[in-house]
Amino acid sequence: MLEHRSQQTEAGLNRQARCKIAVSLSGQQLIKQSQSITVGSKLLIVGFITAHKSNNGLSQLVLHAEQIEFID
C-alpha cells in the first residue's frame, strides 16, 4: 500500500492532498528493491494505474509499478 501526502495550491488556496493506493510489483528486481522500503521512505514510482475488481465486486485502483526510485 502506497500513501501519498503533500500540500498543493489550487485556485490560489493551499490544500492537503492525501491518498492511499495498492501497488502491484512484478519481476525479481522490483520485488528485491521493495524489500528495503520502510515506512516513511520517499519514493518515485513509475508505472500505470488500472482498476481491479475485488471479491465483493467493488473496483479498486491499483498502481502497477514498472520502476521504483528512492528519493531524498
Protein backbone atom coordinates (compact mmCIF):
# COMPACT_ATOMS: atom_id res chain seq x y z
CA MET A 1 0.00 0.00 0.00
CA LEU A 2 1.39 3.38 -1.01
CA GLU A 3 0.36 6.52 0.85
CA HIS A 4 0.81 9.99 -0.61
CA ARG A 5 0.70 13.22 1.41
CA SER A 6 1.51 16.69 0.14
CA GLN A 7 0.41 20.29 0.19
CA GLN A 8 -0.83 21.64 -3.15
CA THR A 9 -2.07 25.01 -4.32
CA GLU A 10 -5.43 25.06 -6.07
CA ALA A 11 -7.12 28.29 -7.18
CA GLY A 12 -4.67 30.21 -5.00
CA LEU A 13 -5.53 28.23 -1.86
CA ASN A 14 -3.38 25.69 -0.02
CA ARG A 15 -4.85 22.22 0.15
CA GLN A 16 -3.75 18.99 1.80
CA ALA A 17 -3.59 16.17 -0.76
CA ARG A 18 -3.72 12.60 0.58
CA CYS A 19 -4.45 9.21 -0.91
CA LYS A 20 -3.67 5.52 -0.47
CA ILE A 21 -3.34 3.11 -3.38
CA ALA A 22 -2.42 -0.55 -3.68
CA VAL A 23 0.80 -1.25 -5.60
CA SER A 24 1.42 -4.33 -7.71
CA LEU A 25 5.04 -5.43 -8.29
CA SER A 26 6.22 -7.89 -10.94
CA GLY A 27 9.74 -9.10 -11.60
CA GLN A 28 12.60 -10.10 -9.35
CA GLN A 29 14.35 -6.70 -9.48
CA LEU A 30 11.31 -4.75 -8.25
CA ILE A 31 10.48 -7.34 -5.61
CA LYS A 32 14.09 -7.26 -4.33
CA GLN A 33 14.07 -3.44 -4.35
CA SER A 34 10.80 -3.32 -2.43
CA GLN A 35 12.28 -5.31 0.45
CA SER A 36 14.35 -2.28 1.51
CA ILE A 37 11.33 0.06 1.62
CA THR A 38 10.40 1.14 5.13
CA VAL A 39 7.53 3.24 6.47
CA GLY A 40 8.27 6.87 5.69
CA SER A 41 10.51 6.14 2.69
CA LYS A 42 10.20 8.75 -0.04
CA LEU A 43 9.79 7.07 -3.40
CA LEU A 44 9.26 7.84 -7.05
CA ILE A 45 7.20 5.06 -8.58
CA VAL A 46 6.70 4.94 -12.35
CA GLY A 47 4.03 2.71 -13.80
CA PHE A 48 0.38 2.68 -14.74
CA ILE A 49 -2.95 2.68 -12.93
CA THR A 50 -5.72 0.17 -13.53
CA ALA A 51 -8.95 -0.76 -11.81
CA HIS A 52 -9.16 -4.22 -10.23
CA LYS A 53 -12.45 -5.69 -9.14
CA SER A 54 -12.30 -7.13 -5.62
CA ASN A 55 -14.14 -10.22 -4.39
CA ASN A 56 -17.04 -8.07 -3.21
CA GLY A 57 -17.46 -6.60 -6.70
CA LEU A 58 -16.10 -3.15 -5.90
CA SER A 59 -13.45 -1.57 -8.12
CA GLN A 60 -10.15 -0.52 -6.57
CA LEU A 61 -7.38 1.48 -8.22
CA VAL A 62 -4.03 -0.33 -8.36
CA LEU A 63 -0.67 1.15 -9.34
CA HIS A 64 1.38 -1.36 -11.37
CA ALA A 65 4.98 -0.36 -10.65
CA GLU A 66 7.47 -0.57 -13.50
CA GLN A 67 10.25 1.38 -11.77
CA ILE A 68 10.98 2.37 -8.16
CA GLU A 69 13.48 5.03 -7.12
CA PHE A 70 14.35 6.20 -3.61
CA ILE A 71 14.43 9.99 -3.33
CA ASP A 72 15.92 12.17 -0.61
